[in-house]
PDB file of N, CA and C in Angstrom:
ATOM      1  N   UNK A   1      -1.945  23.901 -30.221  1.00  0.00           N
ATOM      2  CA  UNK A   1      -2.764  24.692 -29.350  1.00  0.00           C
ATOM      3  C   UNK A   1      -1.864  25.286 -28.276  1.00  0.00           C
ATOM      4  N   UNK A   2      -1.905  26.566 -28.082  1.00  0.00           N
ATOM      5  CA  UNK A   2      -1.043  27.218 -27.103  1.00  0.00           C
ATOM      6  C   UNK A   2      -1.718  27.241 -25.733  1.00  0.00           C
ATOM      7  N   UNK A   3      -0.960  27.617 -24.738  1.00  0.00           N
ATOM      8  CA  UNK A   3      -1.507  27.663 -23.381  1.00  0.00           C
ATOM      9  C   UNK A   3      -2.561  28.763 -23.238  1.00  0.00           C
ATOM     10  N   UNK A   4      -2.523  29.752 -24.141  1.00  0.00           N
ATOM     11  CA  UNK A   4      -3.508  30.831 -24.083  1.00  0.00           C
ATOM     12  C   UNK A   4      -4.877  30.361 -24.564  1.00  0.00           C
ATOM     13  N   UNK A   5      -4.908  29.302 -25.410  1.00  0.00           N
ATOM     14  CA  UNK A   5      -6.156  28.833 -25.994  1.00  0.00           C
ATOM     15  C   UNK A   5      -6.927  27.893 -25.070  1.00  0.00           C
ATOM     16  N   UNK A   6      -6.306  27.378 -24.030  1.00  0.00           N
ATOM     17  CA  UNK A   6      -6.980  26.414 -23.165  1.00  0.00           C
ATOM     18  C   UNK A   6      -7.791  27.139 -22.109  1.00  0.00           C
ATOM     19  N   UNK A   7      -8.952  26.575 -21.814  1.00  0.00           N
ATOM     20  CA  UNK A   7      -9.785  27.130 -20.757  1.00  0.00           C
ATOM     21  C   UNK A   7      -9.268  26.621 -19.410  1.00  0.00           C
ATOM     22  N   UNK A   8      -9.711  27.223 -18.353  1.00  0.00           N
ATOM     23  CA  UNK A   8      -9.200  26.872 -17.024  1.00  0.00           C
ATOM     24  C   UNK A   8      -9.531  25.428 -16.663  1.00  0.00           C
ATOM     25  N   UNK A   9     -10.660  24.907 -17.091  1.00  0.00           N
ATOM     26  CA  UNK A   9     -11.068  23.550 -16.729  1.00  0.00           C
ATOM     27  C   UNK A   9     -10.598  22.493 -17.701  1.00  0.00           C
ATOM     28  N   UNK A  10      -9.914  22.873 -18.777  1.00  0.00           N
ATOM     29  CA  UNK A  10      -9.517  21.905 -19.796  1.00  0.00           C
ATOM     30  C   UNK A  10      -8.103  21.365 -19.604  1.00  0.00           C
ATOM     31  N   UNK A  11      -7.466  21.657 -18.492  1.00  0.00           N
ATOM     32  CA  UNK A  11      -6.103  21.196 -18.291  1.00  0.00           C
ATOM     33  C   UNK A  11      -6.097  19.690 -18.033  1.00  0.00           C
ATOM     34  N   UNK A  12      -5.110  19.022 -18.593  1.00  0.00           N
ATOM     35  CA  UNK A  12      -4.987  17.587 -18.404  1.00  0.00           C
ATOM     36  C   UNK A  12      -4.271  17.289 -17.094  1.00  0.00           C
ATOM     37  N   UNK A  13      -4.592  16.140 -16.525  1.00  0.00           N
ATOM     38  CA  UNK A  13      -3.928  15.719 -15.298  1.00  0.00           C
ATOM     39  C   UNK A  13      -2.495  15.330 -15.628  1.00  0.00           C
ATOM     40  N   UNK A  14      -1.566  15.510 -14.710  1.00  0.00           N
ATOM     41  CA  UNK A  14      -0.176  15.129 -14.977  1.00  0.00           C
ATOM     42  C   UNK A  14      -0.072  13.616 -15.161  1.00  0.00           C
ATOM     43  N   UNK A  15       0.799  13.166 -16.042  1.00  0.00           N
ATOM     44  CA  UNK A  15       0.926  11.722 -16.243  1.00  0.00           C
ATOM     45  C   UNK A  15       1.484  11.056 -14.991  1.00  0.00           C
ATOM     46  N   UNK A  16       1.069   9.800 -14.774  1.00  0.00           N
ATOM     47  CA  UNK A  16       1.549   9.066 -13.620  1.00  0.00           C
ATOM     48  C   UNK A  16       3.013   8.714 -13.799  1.00  0.00           C
ATOM     49  N   UNK A  17       3.781   8.908 -12.772  1.00  0.00           N
ATOM     50  CA  UNK A  17       5.200   8.594 -12.791  1.00  0.00           C
ATOM     51  C   UNK A  17       5.373   7.107 -12.527  1.00  0.00           C
ATOM     52  N   UNK A  18       6.240   6.462 -13.273  1.00  0.00           N
ATOM     53  CA  UNK A  18       6.453   5.026 -13.150  1.00  0.00           C
ATOM     54  C   UNK A  18       6.926   4.650 -11.763  1.00  0.00           C
ATOM     55  N   UNK A  19       7.934   5.302 -11.268  1.00  0.00           N
ATOM     56  CA  UNK A  19       8.550   4.905 -10.001  1.00  0.00           C
ATOM     57  C   UNK A  19       8.429   5.990  -8.947  1.00  0.00           C
ATOM     58  N   UNK A  20       7.491   6.872  -9.074  1.00  0.00           N
ATOM     59  CA  UNK A  20       7.365   7.981  -8.153  1.00  0.00           C
ATOM     60  C   UNK A  20       6.512   7.694  -6.948  1.00  0.00           C
ATOM     61  N   UNK A  21       6.056   6.493  -6.783  1.00  0.00           N
ATOM     62  CA  UNK A  21       5.233   6.150  -5.630  1.00  0.00           C
ATOM     63  C   UNK A  21       3.762   6.291  -5.937  1.00  0.00           C
ATOM     64  N   UNK A  22       2.975   6.413  -4.887  1.00  0.00           N
ATOM     65  CA  UNK A  22       1.524   6.453  -5.027  1.00  0.00           C
ATOM     66  C   UNK A  22       0.958   7.857  -4.814  1.00  0.00           C
ATOM     67  N   UNK A  23       1.783   8.871  -5.020  1.00  0.00           N
ATOM     68  CA  UNK A  23       1.343  10.236  -4.793  1.00  0.00           C
ATOM     69  C   UNK A  23       0.278  10.704  -5.771  1.00  0.00           C
ATOM     70  N   UNK A  24       0.238  10.140  -6.973  1.00  0.00           N
ATOM     71  CA  UNK A  24      -0.718  10.587  -7.983  1.00  0.00           C
ATOM     72  C   UNK A  24      -1.948   9.692  -8.082  1.00  0.00           C
ATOM     73  N   UNK A  25      -2.104   8.738  -7.182  1.00  0.00           N
ATOM     74  CA  UNK A  25      -3.228   7.804  -7.251  1.00  0.00           C
ATOM     75  C   UNK A  25      -4.461   8.464  -6.654  1.00  0.00           C
ATOM     76  N   UNK A  26      -5.583   8.355  -7.364  1.00  0.00           N
ATOM     77  CA  UNK A  26      -6.851   8.893  -6.886  1.00  0.00           C
ATOM     78  C   UNK A  26      -7.595   7.768  -6.175  1.00  0.00           C
ATOM     79  N   UNK A  27      -7.515   7.746  -4.843  1.00  0.00           N
ATOM     80  CA  UNK A  27      -8.113   6.668  -4.062  1.00  0.00           C
ATOM     81  C   UNK A  27      -9.637   6.719  -4.051  1.00  0.00           C
ATOM     82  N   UNK A  28     -10.220   7.827  -4.440  1.00  0.00           N
ATOM     83  CA  UNK A  28     -11.680   7.917  -4.438  1.00  0.00           C
ATOM     84  C   UNK A  28     -12.302   7.053  -5.534  1.00  0.00           C
ATOM     85  N   UNK A  29     -11.503   6.602  -6.489  1.00  0.00           N
ATOM     86  CA  UNK A  29     -12.035   5.790  -7.581  1.00  0.00           C
ATOM     87  C   UNK A  29     -11.789   4.303  -7.376  1.00  0.00           C
ATOM     88  N   UNK A  30     -11.315   3.923  -6.183  1.00  0.00           N
ATOM     89  CA  UNK A  30     -11.048   2.515  -5.906  1.00  0.00           C
ATOM     90  C   UNK A  30     -12.356   1.750  -5.714  1.00  0.00           C
ATOM     91  N   UNK A  31     -12.360   0.517  -6.190  1.00  0.00           N
ATOM     92  CA  UNK A  31     -13.516  -0.353  -6.023  1.00  0.00           C
ATOM     93  C   UNK A  31     -13.267  -1.224  -4.798  1.00  0.00           C
ATOM     94  N   UNK A  32     -13.944  -0.941  -3.711  1.00  0.00           N
ATOM     95  CA  UNK A  32     -13.729  -1.654  -2.466  1.00  0.00           C
ATOM     96  C   UNK A  32     -14.830  -2.667  -2.172  1.00  0.00           C
ATOM     97  N   UNK A  33     -15.526  -3.146  -3.204  1.00  0.00           N
ATOM     98  CA  UNK A  33     -16.626  -4.079  -2.986  1.00  0.00           C
ATOM     99  C   UNK A  33     -16.125  -5.438  -2.508  1.00  0.00           C
ATOM    100  N   UNK A  34     -14.859  -5.769  -2.758  1.00  0.00           N
ATOM    101  CA  UNK A  34     -14.343  -7.058  -2.302  1.00  0.00           C
ATOM    102  C   UNK A  34     -14.197  -7.110  -0.791  1.00  0.00           C
ATOM    103  N   UNK A  35     -14.122  -5.964  -0.137  1.00  0.00           N
ATOM    104  CA  UNK A  35     -13.984  -5.955   1.317  1.00  0.00           C
ATOM    105  C   UNK A  35     -15.230  -6.462   2.025  1.00  0.00           C
ATOM    106  N   UNK A  36     -16.367  -6.433   1.346  1.00  0.00           N
ATOM    107  CA  UNK A  36     -17.579  -6.932   2.003  1.00  0.00           C
ATOM    108  C   UNK A  36     -17.566  -8.457   2.130  1.00  0.00           C
ATOM    109  N   UNK A  37     -16.678  -9.127   1.414  1.00  0.00           N
ATOM    110  CA  UNK A  37     -16.593 -10.581   1.510  1.00  0.00           C
ATOM    111  C   UNK A  37     -15.665 -11.027   2.626  1.00  0.00           C
ATOM    112  N   UNK A  38     -14.902 -10.127   3.220  1.00  0.00           N
ATOM    113  CA  UNK A  38     -13.993 -10.473   4.313  1.00  0.00           C
ATOM    114  C   UNK A  38     -14.700 -10.234   5.642  1.00  0.00           C
ATOM    115  N   UNK A  39     -14.692 -11.248   6.490  1.00  0.00           N
ATOM    116  CA  UNK A  39     -15.260 -11.133   7.835  1.00  0.00           C
ATOM    117  C   UNK A  39     -14.120 -10.828   8.794  1.00  0.00           C
ATOM    118  N   UNK A  40     -13.976  -9.574   9.177  1.00  0.00           N
ATOM    119  CA  UNK A  40     -12.869  -9.138  10.000  1.00  0.00           C
ATOM    120  C   UNK A  40     -12.971  -9.639  11.438  1.00  0.00           C
ATOM    121  N   UNK A  41     -14.114 -10.164  11.834  1.00  0.00           N
ATOM    122  CA  UNK A  41     -14.301 -10.675  13.185  1.00  0.00           C
ATOM    123  C   UNK A  41     -14.143 -12.193  13.244  1.00  0.00           C
ATOM    124  N   UNK A  42     -13.860 -12.823  12.129  1.00  0.00           N
ATOM    125  CA  UNK A  42     -13.639 -14.269  12.089  1.00  0.00           C
ATOM    126  C   UNK A  42     -12.300 -14.587  12.753  1.00  0.00           C
ATOM    127  N   UNK A  43     -12.278 -15.503  13.740  1.00  0.00           N
ATOM    128  CA  UNK A  43     -11.018 -15.806  14.426  1.00  0.00           C
ATOM    129  C   UNK A  43      -9.917 -16.311  13.489  1.00  0.00           C
ATOM    130  N   UNK A  44     -10.260 -17.080  12.485  1.00  0.00           N
ATOM    131  CA  UNK A  44      -9.225 -17.575  11.575  1.00  0.00           C
ATOM    132  C   UNK A  44      -8.641 -16.444  10.743  1.00  0.00           C
ATOM    133  N   UNK A  45      -9.434 -15.435  10.421  1.00  0.00           N
ATOM    134  CA  UNK A  45      -8.920 -14.269   9.712  1.00  0.00           C
ATOM    135  C   UNK A  45      -7.933 -13.509  10.587  1.00  0.00           C
ATOM    136  N   UNK A  46      -8.270 -13.354  11.859  1.00  0.00           N
ATOM    137  CA  UNK A  46      -7.371 -12.658  12.779  1.00  0.00           C
ATOM    138  C   UNK A  46      -6.075 -13.429  12.967  1.00  0.00           C
ATOM    139  N   UNK A  47      -6.144 -14.754  13.054  1.00  0.00           N
ATOM    140  CA  UNK A  47      -4.941 -15.579  13.181  1.00  0.00           C
ATOM    141  C   UNK A  47      -4.071 -15.423  11.936  1.00  0.00           C
ATOM    142  N   UNK A  48      -4.682 -15.394  10.774  1.00  0.00           N
ATOM    143  CA  UNK A  48      -3.930 -15.235   9.531  1.00  0.00           C
ATOM    144  C   UNK A  48      -3.241 -13.874   9.478  1.00  0.00           C
ATOM    145  N   UNK A  49      -3.916 -12.828   9.902  1.00  0.00           N
ATOM    146  CA  UNK A  49      -3.312 -11.489   9.905  1.00  0.00           C
ATOM    147  C   UNK A  49      -2.132 -11.436  10.870  1.00  0.00           C
ATOM    148  N   UNK A  50      -2.284 -12.030  12.048  1.00  0.00           N
ATOM    149  CA  UNK A  50      -1.193 -12.049  13.019  1.00  0.00           C
ATOM    150  C   UNK A  50      -0.019 -12.858  12.485  1.00  0.00           C
ATOM    151  N   UNK A  51      -0.292 -14.001  11.845  1.00  0.00           N
ATOM    152  CA  UNK A  51       0.783 -14.833  11.301  1.00  0.00           C
ATOM    153  C   UNK A  51       1.523 -14.109  10.181  1.00  0.00           C
ATOM    154  N   UNK A  52       0.802 -13.417   9.336  1.00  0.00           N
ATOM    155  CA  UNK A  52       1.435 -12.682   8.238  1.00  0.00           C
ATOM    156  C   UNK A  52       2.288 -11.546   8.785  1.00  0.00           C
ATOM    157  N   UNK A  53       1.850 -10.905   9.845  1.00  0.00           N
ATOM    158  CA  UNK A  53       2.634  -9.815  10.433  1.00  0.00           C
ATOM    159  C   UNK A  53       3.807 -10.346  11.253  1.00  0.00           C
ATOM    160  N   UNK A  54       3.638 -11.476  11.926  1.00  0.00           N
ATOM    161  CA  UNK A  54       4.663 -11.991  12.833  1.00  0.00           C
ATOM    162  C   UNK A  54       5.826 -12.647  12.099  1.00  0.00           C
ATOM    163  N   UNK A  55       5.566 -13.386  11.047  1.00  0.00           N
ATOM    164  CA  UNK A  55       6.618 -14.164  10.392  1.00  0.00           C
ATOM    165  C   UNK A  55       7.773 -13.323   9.867  1.00  0.00           C
ATOM    166  N   UNK A  56       7.562 -12.258   9.113  1.00  0.00           N
ATOM    167  CA  UNK A  56       8.712 -11.465   8.668  1.00  0.00           C
ATOM    168  C   UNK A  56       9.465 -10.834   9.838  1.00  0.00           C
ATOM    169  N   UNK A  57       8.727 -10.387  10.854  1.00  0.00           N
ATOM    170  CA  UNK A  57       9.372  -9.809  12.021  1.00  0.00           C
ATOM    171  C   UNK A  57      10.258 -10.840  12.715  1.00  0.00           C
ATOM    172  N   UNK A  58       9.757 -12.047  12.905  1.00  0.00           N
ATOM    173  CA  UNK A  58      10.525 -13.103  13.559  1.00  0.00           C
ATOM    174  C   UNK A  58      11.788 -13.443  12.779  1.00  0.00           C
ATOM    175  N   UNK A  59      11.651 -13.631  11.472  1.00  0.00           N
ATOM    176  CA  UNK A  59      12.806 -14.045  10.683  1.00  0.00           C
ATOM    177  C   UNK A  59      13.834 -12.927  10.554  1.00  0.00           C
ATOM    178  N   UNK A  60      13.409 -11.671  10.563  1.00  0.00           N
ATOM    179  CA  UNK A  60      14.373 -10.574  10.550  1.00  0.00           C
ATOM    180  C   UNK A  60      15.134 -10.493  11.866  1.00  0.00           C
ATOM    181  N   UNK A  61      14.450 -10.670  12.978  1.00  0.00           N
ATOM    182  CA  UNK A  61      15.127 -10.675  14.277  1.00  0.00           C
ATOM    183  C   UNK A  61      16.036 -11.887  14.386  1.00  0.00           C
ATOM    184  N   UNK A  62      15.581 -13.034  13.922  1.00  0.00           N
ATOM    185  CA  UNK A  62      16.384 -14.258  13.960  1.00  0.00           C
ATOM    186  C   UNK A  62      17.622 -14.121  13.068  1.00  0.00           C
ATOM    187  N   UNK A  63      17.508 -13.450  11.960  1.00  0.00           N
ATOM    188  CA  UNK A  63      18.648 -13.266  11.071  1.00  0.00           C
ATOM    189  C   UNK A  63      19.683 -12.307  11.624  1.00  0.00           C
ATOM    190  N   UNK A  64      19.257 -11.357  12.450  1.00  0.00           N
ATOM    191  CA  UNK A  64      20.176 -10.391  13.033  1.00  0.00           C
ATOM    192  C   UNK A  64      20.846 -10.951  14.284  1.00  0.00           C
ATOM    193  N   UNK A  65      20.189 -11.844  14.995  1.00  0.00           N
ATOM    194  CA  UNK A  65      20.676 -12.295  16.297  1.00  0.00           C
ATOM    195  C   UNK A  65      22.073 -12.922  16.267  1.00  0.00           C
ATOM    196  N   UNK A  66      22.519 -13.678  15.245  1.00  0.00           N
ATOM    197  CA  UNK A  66      23.900 -14.195  15.283  1.00  0.00           C
ATOM    198  C   UNK A  66      24.944 -13.094  15.183  1.00  0.00           C
ATOM    199  N   UNK A  67      24.598 -11.949  14.642  1.00  0.00           N
ATOM    200  CA  UNK A  67      25.562 -10.864  14.488  1.00  0.00           C
ATOM    201  C   UNK A  67      25.630  -9.956  15.702  1.00  0.00           C
ATOM    202  N   UNK A  68      24.728 -10.129  16.661  1.00  0.00           N
ATOM    203  CA  UNK A  68      24.734  -9.291  17.846  1.00  0.00           C
ATOM    204  C   UNK A  68      25.849  -9.745  18.786  1.00  0.00           C
ATOM    205  N   UNK A  69      26.504  -8.821  19.438  1.00  0.00           N
ATOM    206  CA  UNK A  69      27.574  -9.215  20.374  1.00  0.00           C
ATOM    207  C   UNK A  69      26.985  -9.892  21.609  1.00  0.00           C
ATOM    208  N   UNK A  70      27.713 -10.849  22.147  1.00  0.00           N
ATOM    209  CA  UNK A  70      27.280 -11.514  23.382  1.00  0.00           C
ATOM    210  C   UNK A  70      27.478 -10.568  24.544  1.00  0.00           C
ATOM    211  N   UNK A  71      26.485 -10.527  25.416  1.00  0.00           N
ATOM    212  CA  UNK A  71      26.611  -9.641  26.578  1.00  0.00           C
ATOM    213  C   UNK A  71      26.637 -10.440  27.849  1.00  0.00           C
TER     214      UNK A  71
END
């Protein structure tokens, strides 16, 4: 089938690139029903989010600190 035979609406979507990132992802088709089970106002949830964000930051700063010059 040549390009002349295809109608304007019959074009196929480009194939997803393996390592090209998330540029071709259609977020409108995501199923977000699992988010209704998370209570974002629960204090333990907030503590967990802070701990998950803080730990990598702390260990990266701690790993760099021996290489910093003494002032």
